[in-house]
Protein backbone atom coordinates (compact mmCIF):
# COMPACT_ATOMS: atom_id res chain seq x y z
CA MET A 1 0.14 0.03 0.27
CA ASN A 2 1.33 3.52 -0.70
CA ILE A 3 3.43 4.82 2.32
CA GLN A 4 1.33 8.54 1.38
CA ILE A 5 -1.91 6.49 1.81
CA GLN A 6 -0.77 5.05 5.29
CA LYS A 7 0.04 8.59 6.60
CA TRP A 8 -3.01 9.83 5.72
CA VAL A 9 -4.90 6.66 7.30
CA ASP A 10 -2.89 7.03 10.29
CA ARG A 11 -3.67 10.40 10.45
CA TRP A 12 -7.22 11.01 9.84
CA LEU A 13 -8.68 7.51 11.19
CA GLY A 14 -5.94 6.66 13.75
CA ILE A 15 -6.49 10.10 15.90
CA PRO A 16 -10.53 9.43 16.13
CA CYS A 17 -9.56 5.87 16.78
CA CYS A 18 -6.75 6.54 19.57
CA ALA A 19 -9.15 9.17 21.21
CA ALA A 20 -12.35 6.36 21.50
CA LEU A 21 -9.60 3.64 22.21
CA SER A 22 -8.41 6.48 25.46
CA ALA A 23 -12.08 6.83 26.82
CA TRP A 24 -13.05 3.06 26.41
CA HIS A 25 -9.95 2.28 28.64
CA ARG A 26 -10.43 4.74 31.31
CA THR A 27 -14.43 4.03 31.45
CA TRP A 28 -13.10 0.41 31.69
CA ASN A 29 -10.25 1.21 34.63
CA PHE A 30 -13.09 3.30 36.50
CA PHE A 31 -15.17 0.32 36.77
CA GLN A 32 -12.86 -2.46 37.24
CA HIS A 33 -9.93 -2.67 39.97
CA ALA A 34 -6.67 -3.60 38.51
CA PRO A 35 -4.55 -6.05 40.72
CA SER A 36 -1.44 -4.08 42.26
CA VAL A 37 1.01 -6.71 42.14
CA LYS A 38 1.21 -7.80 38.40
CA PRO A 39 2.38 -11.27 37.67
CA PRO A 40 5.57 -11.68 35.44
CA PRO A 41 5.28 -11.83 31.82
CA ARG A 42 4.15 -15.44 30.24
CA ARG A 43 3.19 -14.35 26.77
CA ILE A 44 5.20 -10.73 25.64
CA LEU A 45 3.89 -9.64 22.00
CA VAL A 46 6.64 -7.60 20.42
CA ILE A 47 5.26 -5.14 17.56
CA LEU A 48 7.54 -4.21 15.04
CA LEU A 49 5.60 -3.35 11.97
CA SER A 50 7.05 -1.12 9.49
CA GLU A 51 11.33 -1.41 8.80
CA LEU A 52 13.11 -4.16 7.84
CA GLY A 53 16.10 -2.57 8.93
CA SER A 54 14.80 -1.79 12.04
CA LEU A 55 14.47 -5.77 12.96
CA VAL A 56 18.10 -6.03 12.49
CA LEU A 57 18.24 -3.22 15.37
CA SER A 58 15.77 -4.88 17.65
CA GLU A 59 18.16 -7.87 18.39
CA PRO A 60 19.93 -6.29 21.34
CA MET A 61 16.18 -5.73 22.81
CA LEU A 62 14.91 -9.25 21.88
CA CYS A 63 18.30 -10.84 23.64
CA ARG A 64 17.36 -8.28 26.90
CA LEU A 65 13.53 -10.06 26.84
CA GLN A 66 14.70 -13.57 26.70
CA LYS A 67 17.60 -13.22 29.20
CA ARG A 68 15.07 -11.14 31.69
CA TYR A 69 11.82 -13.53 30.95
CA PRO A 70 13.50 -16.89 30.20
CA ASP A 71 10.14 -18.53 31.00
CA ALA A 72 8.09 -16.15 28.85
CA THR A 73 6.96 -16.80 25.34
CA LEU A 74 8.30 -14.53 22.87
CA TYR A 75 5.50 -13.44 19.64
CA MET A 76 6.23 -10.87 17.29
CA LEU A 77 3.73 -8.93 14.77
CA LEU A 78 5.11 -7.80 11.85
CA PHE A 79 4.58 -7.16 8.05
CA ALA A 80 4.65 -10.23 5.89
CA ARG A 81 7.61 -8.71 3.82
CA ASN A 82 9.62 -8.65 6.64
CA ARG A 83 9.62 -11.86 8.08
CA GLN A 84 12.65 -13.33 6.54
CA VAL A 85 14.60 -11.42 8.69
CA LEU A 86 12.79 -12.18 11.84
CA ASP A 87 13.58 -15.81 10.70
CA LEU A 88 17.32 -15.22 10.48
CA LEU A 89 17.24 -13.69 13.77
CA SER A 90 15.95 -16.88 15.16
CA PHE A 91 14.53 -15.62 18.17
CA VAL A 92 10.60 -16.11 17.34
CA GLN A 93 9.45 -19.39 16.86
CA PRO A 94 7.46 -19.55 13.39
CA GLU A 95 4.18 -20.35 14.67
CA HIS A 96 4.76 -17.46 17.27
CA ILE A 97 4.75 -15.20 14.32
CA LEU A 98 1.92 -13.09 13.38
CA ALA A 99 2.41 -11.79 9.82
CA VAL A 100 0.25 -8.82 8.20
CA ARG A 101 0.11 -8.24 4.48
CA ASP A 102 0.24 -4.41 3.54
CA ASP A 103 0.01 -4.78 -0.11
CA SER A 104 -3.80 -3.64 -0.37
CA ALA A 105 -5.83 -1.82 2.52
CA LEU A 106 -8.20 -4.92 2.36
CA HIS A 107 -5.27 -7.44 3.11
CA LEU A 108 -4.36 -4.90 6.04
CA LEU A 109 -7.59 -4.94 7.74
CA ILE A 110 -8.50 -8.40 7.14
CA ASP A 111 -5.05 -9.68 8.73
CA LEU A 112 -4.98 -7.23 11.38
CA TRP A 113 -8.73 -8.44 12.84
CA HIS A 114 -7.40 -12.28 12.83
CA SER A 115 -4.22 -11.27 14.93
CA ILE A 116 -6.14 -9.01 17.40
CA ARG A 117 -8.50 -12.06 17.64
CA ARG A 118 -5.36 -14.35 18.04
CA MET A 119 -3.86 -11.86 20.78
CA ARG A 120 -6.85 -12.48 22.59
CA THR A 121 -7.04 -16.22 21.71
CA ILE A 122 -3.62 -16.98 22.92
CA GLY A 123 -3.74 -14.44 26.38
CA ILE A 124 -1.05 -12.00 25.39
CA ASP A 125 -0.21 -10.41 28.62
CA THR A 126 2.42 -7.89 27.63
CA VAL A 127 2.39 -5.93 24.69
CA VAL A 128 6.04 -4.44 23.72
CA ASP A 129 4.98 -1.76 20.75
CA CYS A 130 8.17 -0.57 19.11
CA GLU A 131 6.80 1.59 16.50
CA LEU A 132 7.95 5.39 17.02
CA PHE A 133 4.57 6.99 16.08
CA ALA A 134 2.63 5.27 14.62
CA ARG A 135 -1.22 5.17 15.81
CA CYS A 136 -2.00 1.74 14.20
CA SER A 137 0.44 -0.39 16.10
CA ALA A 138 -0.95 1.64 19.51
CA ILE A 139 -4.52 0.97 18.34
CA ILE A 140 -3.47 -3.13 17.98
CA SER A 141 -1.84 -2.61 21.44
CA GLY A 142 -5.08 -1.21 22.97
CA CYS A 143 -7.05 -3.60 21.30
CA SER A 144 -4.64 -6.93 22.38
CA GLY A 145 -6.14 -7.51 25.97
CA ALA A 146 -2.71 -7.24 27.38
CA LEU A 147 -2.45 -6.30 30.89
CA ARG A 148 0.70 -4.84 30.39
CA ARG A 149 1.12 -2.06 26.97
CA ILE A 150 4.24 -0.50 26.86
CA GLY A 151 5.26 2.02 23.92
CA PHE A 152 6.74 5.19 22.76
CA HIS A 153 5.05 8.31 24.21
CA ARG A 154 5.30 12.22 23.53
CA HIS A 155 4.45 13.24 27.25
CA ALA A 156 5.26 17.16 26.89
CA GLN A 157 6.90 17.29 23.17
CA GLU A 158 5.09 17.96 20.31
CA GLY A 159 5.05 14.27 19.11
CA LEU A 160 2.11 12.81 17.03
CA TYR A 161 -0.87 11.62 19.34
CA ARG A 162 -1.04 7.93 20.19
CA GLY A 163 -3.75 8.33 22.99
CA SER A 164 -3.33 7.38 26.17
CA PHE A 165 -3.94 3.89 26.96
CA HIS A 166 -0.29 2.58 27.31
CA THR A 167 0.26 1.44 30.40
CA SER A 168 4.06 2.02 30.68
CA PRO A 169 4.91 5.18 28.50
CA VAL A 170 8.13 5.58 27.53
CA PRO A 171 9.60 9.08 26.43
CA TYR A 172 11.00 9.07 22.78
CA ASN A 173 14.57 10.33 22.76
CA PRO A 174 15.68 11.76 19.30
CA TYR A 175 19.42 11.76 20.36
CA ARG A 176 19.78 8.00 21.35
CA HIS A 177 20.26 5.42 19.06
CA LEU A 178 16.95 3.10 18.10
CA SER A 179 18.62 -0.05 19.42
CA LEU A 180 18.80 1.62 22.98
CA GLN A 181 15.64 2.91 22.78
CA LEU A 182 14.35 -0.47 22.00
CA ILE A 183 16.00 -1.58 25.13
CA SER A 184 14.20 1.14 27.25
CA LEU A 185 11.15 -0.42 26.12
CA ALA A 186 11.73 -3.77 27.70
CA ASP A 187 13.15 -2.40 30.68
CA ALA A 188 9.98 -0.36 31.24
CA ILE A 189 7.91 -3.83 31.51
CA GLU A 190 7.83 -3.77 35.05
CA SER A 191 9.43 -0.83 36.04
CA GLY A 192 7.51 1.81 38.39
CA GLU A 193 9.17 4.81 37.73
CA THR A 194 7.92 8.14 36.09
CA PRO A 195 8.85 8.34 33.29
CA ARG A 196 9.90 4.51 32.69
CA ALA A 197 13.15 5.18 31.29
CA LYS A 198 15.60 6.16 34.07
CA SER A 199 17.61 2.76 34.69
CA ASP A 200 19.08 1.93 31.41
CA LEU A 201 22.34 2.28 31.34
CA VAL A 202 23.45 0.66 28.46
CA THR A 203 25.43 2.78 25.55
CA GLY A 204 26.45 -0.34 23.14
CA PRO A 205 27.77 -0.76 20.73
CA PHE A 206 26.42 -3.93 20.14
CA ALA A 207 27.75 -6.77 17.76
CA PRO A 208 25.06 -7.00 15.08
CA PRO A 209 23.54 -10.98 14.67
CA THR A 210 25.68 -13.33 12.32
CA PHE A 211 24.22 -14.78 9.22
CA VAL A 212 25.02 -18.54 9.46
CA PRO A 213 24.36 -19.80 5.65
CA GLY A 214 23.91 -23.51 5.56
CA LEU A 215 26.59 -26.27 4.18
CA GLY A 216 27.68 -25.08 0.67
CA GLU A 217 25.12 -22.74 0.57
CA VAL A 218 27.25 -19.46 -0.52
CA LYS A 219 28.87 -21.47 -3.06
CA ARG A 220 26.23 -22.81 -4.61
CA GLU A 221 24.38 -19.39 -4.79
CA MET A 222 27.98 -18.18 -6.16
CA ASP A 223 28.10 -20.61 -9.02
CA GLN A 224 24.58 -19.70 -9.98
CA LEU A 225 25.53 -16.40 -10.05
CA HIS A 226 28.80 -16.73 -12.20
CA GLY A 227 26.80 -19.31 -14.42
CA ASP A 228 24.22 -16.45 -14.96
CA TYR A 229 26.79 -13.80 -15.56
CA PRO A 230 30.35 -15.39 -16.30
CA GLN A 231 31.88 -12.09 -17.20
CA ILE A 232 32.14 -11.15 -13.31
CA VAL A 233 34.09 -14.14 -12.86
CA GLY A 234 37.58 -13.44 -11.21
CA LYS A 235 36.86 -9.83 -10.69
CA LYS A 236 36.46 -7.92 -7.35
CA MET A 237 32.48 -7.31 -6.85
CA VAL A 238 30.94 -3.81 -5.64
CA LEU A 239 27.05 -4.01 -5.03
CA LEU A 240 25.47 -0.52 -5.35
CA TYR A 241 22.06 -0.12 -4.16
CA PRO A 242 20.76 3.27 -5.62
CA SER A 243 17.54 3.68 -4.45
CA GLY A 244 15.47 5.51 -1.79
CA GLY A 245 13.19 2.86 -1.42
CA LEU A 246 9.41 4.31 -0.14
CA LEU A 247 11.29 7.74 0.49
CA PRO A 248 13.35 9.02 -2.41
CA ILE A 249 14.91 11.69 -0.85
CA ARG A 250 16.83 9.51 1.12
CA ALA A 251 18.64 8.70 -2.54
CA TRP A 252 22.28 9.97 -3.13
CA PRO A 253 22.24 11.28 -6.74
CA LEU A 254 22.26 9.17 -9.46
CA GLU A 255 25.00 10.40 -11.47
CA TYR A 256 26.66 10.34 -8.68
CA PHE A 257 26.54 6.66 -8.18
CA VAL A 258 27.43 6.14 -11.84
CA THR A 259 30.80 8.25 -11.30
CA VAL A 260 31.58 5.88 -9.10
CA ALA A 261 30.59 3.14 -10.89
CA GLN A 262 32.47 4.09 -13.96
CA ALA A 263 35.77 4.72 -11.83
CA LEU A 264 35.54 1.13 -10.28
CA LEU A 265 34.85 -0.53 -13.68
CA GLN A 266 37.80 0.93 -15.02
CA ASP A 267 40.02 -0.41 -11.78
CA GLY A 268 38.74 -3.96 -13.11
CA CYS A 269 35.95 -4.25 -10.54
CA ALA A 270 32.58 -5.75 -11.49
CA ILE A 271 29.53 -4.08 -10.48
CA GLY A 272 26.11 -5.59 -9.29
CA VAL A 273 23.02 -2.89 -9.00
CA ILE A 274 20.64 -4.65 -6.46
CA GLY A 275 17.19 -3.75 -5.43
CA LEU A 276 13.48 -4.93 -5.72
CA PRO A 277 12.08 -5.74 -8.81
CA ASP A 278 10.52 -2.32 -8.88
CA ASP A 279 13.63 -0.73 -9.11
CA ARG A 280 15.21 -2.81 -12.26
CA THR A 281 14.15 0.53 -14.30
CA LEU A 282 16.67 2.56 -11.95
CA ALA A 283 19.21 -0.37 -12.13
CA GLU A 284 19.01 -0.39 -16.15
CA ALA A 285 19.65 3.18 -16.11
CA LEU A 286 22.72 2.98 -14.47
CA ARG A 287 23.92 0.50 -16.44
CA SER A 288 23.08 2.67 -19.40
CA ALA A 289 25.22 5.46 -18.26
CA CYS A 290 27.71 3.49 -17.70
CA GLY A 291 27.57 2.05 -21.34
CA ASN A 292 26.20 -1.01 -20.81
CA ASN A 293 29.78 -2.35 -20.09
CA ASP A 294 29.23 -6.18 -19.49
CA SER A 295 31.08 -6.07 -15.68
CA CYS A 296 28.09 -3.88 -14.79
CA ILE A 297 25.13 -6.28 -14.22
CA ASN A 298 21.67 -5.49 -13.39
CA LEU A 299 20.61 -7.62 -9.88
CA ALA A 300 17.44 -5.64 -9.04
CA GLY A 301 14.70 -8.18 -8.46
CA TYR A 302 17.62 -11.01 -8.72
CA THR A 303 17.52 -12.38 -5.45
CA ARG A 304 15.01 -14.64 -4.23
CA SER A 305 14.84 -13.99 -0.69
CA ILE A 306 16.99 -12.08 1.75
CA ARG A 307 19.13 -15.26 2.47
CA HIS A 308 19.94 -15.27 -1.14
CA LEU A 309 21.01 -11.95 -0.80
CA LEU A 310 22.94 -12.32 2.46
CA CYS A 311 25.08 -14.89 0.73
CA ILE A 312 26.05 -12.58 -2.16
CA PHE A 313 26.87 -10.23 0.27
CA GLU A 314 29.19 -13.18 1.70
CA ARG A 315 31.09 -13.18 -1.36
CA SER A 316 31.42 -9.88 -2.55
CA ASP A 317 33.58 -7.21 -1.88
CA LEU A 318 31.91 -4.12 -1.08
CA LEU A 319 28.41 -2.48 -0.84
CA ILE A 320 27.95 1.31 -1.56
CA THR A 321 23.93 2.17 -0.04
CA ASN A 322 21.57 4.77 0.35
CA ASP A 323 20.36 4.62 3.98
CA GLY A 324 17.65 1.84 4.36
CA SER A 325 17.55 -2.06 4.66
CA PRO A 326 20.32 -3.13 2.34
CA GLY A 327 22.95 -1.31 4.72
CA GLN A 328 21.21 -2.48 8.11
CA VAL A 329 20.98 -6.19 6.72
CA ALA A 330 24.51 -6.35 5.62
CA ALA A 331 25.71 -6.15 9.41
CA MET A 332 24.66 -9.64 9.54
CA THR A 333 27.89 -10.29 7.32
CA HIS A 334 31.27 -9.48 7.01
CA ILE A 335 30.79 -7.15 4.11
CA PRO A 336 32.69 -3.69 3.87
CA THR A 337 29.88 -0.93 3.54
CA ILE A 338 29.50 2.63 2.74
CA VAL A 339 26.31 4.04 4.06
CA PHE A 340 24.89 7.79 2.89
CA PHE A 341 22.66 9.30 5.39
CA GLY A 342 21.44 12.95 5.22
CA PRO A 343 17.28 13.18 5.68
CA GLU A 344 17.67 10.87 8.47
CA THR A 345 20.45 10.63 11.04
CA PRO A 346 23.53 7.49 11.65
CA LEU A 347 23.05 8.72 15.24
CA LEU A 348 19.54 7.06 15.52
CA TYR A 349 19.79 4.55 12.21
CA GLY A 350 23.58 4.00 12.08
CA SER A 351 24.94 0.28 11.56
CA TRP A 352 26.58 -1.36 14.44
CA SER A 353 28.91 -3.37 11.68
CA PRO A 354 32.49 -2.36 12.52
CA PHE A 355 32.76 -2.71 8.80
CA ALA A 356 30.76 0.02 7.67
CA HIS A 357 31.33 3.87 7.06
CA VAL A 358 28.93 6.51 7.44
CA PHE A 359 28.81 9.53 4.73
CA TYR A 360 26.90 12.13 6.65
CA THR A 361 26.53 16.15 6.02
CA PRO A 362 25.07 17.56 9.01
CA LEU A 363 23.14 20.55 7.19
CA PRO A 364 20.88 22.86 9.60
CA CYS A 365 17.95 21.59 8.26
CA SER A 366 19.19 17.53 8.72
CA PRO A 367 18.01 15.20 9.56
CA CYS A 368 14.28 16.26 8.29
CA LEU A 369 12.55 12.81 8.67
CA THR A 370 11.63 12.16 11.98
CA ALA A 371 9.04 10.44 14.26
CA TYR A 372 8.08 14.15 15.24
CA ASN A 373 6.88 15.12 11.56
CA HIS A 374 5.57 11.17 10.25
CA ARG A 375 8.75 11.23 8.24
CA THR A 376 7.46 13.87 5.79
CA SER A 377 10.04 15.93 4.66
CA PRO A 378 9.42 19.65 4.31
CA CYS A 379 12.32 19.68 1.52
CA ASP A 380 11.74 20.54 -1.97
CA GLY A 381 13.65 17.77 -3.06
CA ASP A 382 17.10 19.44 -3.19
CA ASN A 383 18.53 17.42 -0.90
CA GLN A 384 21.64 18.87 -0.22
CA CYS A 385 22.53 16.79 2.63
CA LEU A 386 23.07 14.22 0.18
CA LYS A 387 24.27 16.47 -2.99
CA ARG A 388 27.09 17.75 -0.79
CA ILE A 389 28.85 13.89 -0.33
CA ALA A 390 31.27 14.52 -3.33
CA PRO A 391 31.66 11.29 -5.54
CA GLU A 392 35.60 11.91 -5.05
CA SER A 393 35.35 11.16 -1.07
CA VAL A 394 33.33 8.16 -2.02
CA LEU A 395 35.66 6.56 -4.34
CA ALA A 396 38.60 7.13 -2.39
CA LYS A 397 36.80 5.44 0.74
CA ALA A 398 35.89 2.79 -1.79
CA ARG A 399 39.31 1.91 -3.03
CA GLU A 400 40.88 1.88 0.58
CA PHE A 401 38.25 -1.02 1.44
CA LEU A 402 38.86 -2.98 -2.18
CA ILE A 403 42.75 -2.55 -1.32
CA ILE A 404 42.30 -4.18 2.35
CA ARG A 405 39.65 -6.62 0.99
C-alpha cells in the first residue's frame, strides 16, 4: 500500500480511533480494579511492523527480553514482507509470528482483525510496541487485551498523538540510537519510575546478529550467479543500492553513483546494482550510463530472498548504499559497507557493523525525517545533505576498502 495513503489513514482515522480507545480504557479502568501486583510476563508480543532494517537493530532488545524473562513465550507482529529477517534472527518460533500483509488496505484490515483475535485467544499479557509514533500499532496494543502495554509516548513533547492507553509510556529520545531506545521499552515492562526510562545505562556498541549460511549454500548461490553472469568471474564485486525505497529523498544522486561505478569499472571491478523488482528501471538507467559495460550487471529483483542476498554479500567485496534496509542487513555479514545519511541521522539508525563507514553532512535542516513529522520532509526535493557528499570522497573510501579486502 502506498506510504502516503498509510500516512493519511494513520492521521485522519488513527487520531479519532486513539481518542475513542483511550476513553474506553479510562471508563473500563474506572469500573474495574486492576491488581496492585501484576504477575511476571508470560506471553510477550513485540510489535515492529514497518522497518526491515529496524528488525536487525531490535536484536539487543530481543536478547534483553529473553534474558530477563526466560520462562516467557515471545511473539512478534510484523509486516509479512519483513518476516525473512525475523526468521534469520531465530528469536521467535515460526508458529509465534503474526504476519500482516500490507499490499492492500483490504488485506491489511483482514490480517489485523485476525491477529487481534489471535492475541486475545492466546492471552497475550504484555505488548511492547516498538513503532515510534504510528497510531496503527498503538491501536493494536490497545485492542490486544494485554495487562501491560509499553510504547513510546510524547509526554510534554510535540510528537504525534497516540492516545493514553499505554500502561508504561516511554519518552521517545531523538538523541539516542534506536537500539538503545528499544532496550528502554523492554526495561519499562516492570518499571515503576516516571517516566519509565531512568534505569537503562546501556550505551552499546552491540555485535550485530550473524548470518549463518547452510553447508555449501554460499558456494551454490555464487556458482549460480557466475553461471548467469560469467563476465564477472575473477573480479572484485562491488554492489550498489541507488534506490531510496519508499522515501526517494534518501537517495544519493544517481549521477554520483554512475561516477563511482565508472571509476571502479575502470579499476577492473565488477558492479552489481541491487534492489527490488521495482528498481530494475533505475538499475538499468545506471547500467546504460556506464555504457552497458558487461561487468556492470542488473541484480534488481534477482535475489529470491534475504538469505539469497546475504549469500551474495558474503562473497562480495563492497556495498555502497543509501540509508535503508540493505545497509542494516549487511551488518549480518562481513562485507565492508558505505552508507549515505542526510534526511535521517546515523545517530539514530547507524549500523553497528565494524565494517561500515558513514557519509553524513549535518546541515542545519538535517535530519528532516523524524518521528515528530511522521517522516514527511519539508524539503523541496533538493537534498543538499546528500548532494554535498562528493563522489571523489566516496571513491577514495571505496578503493581503500577494496585494497584491504
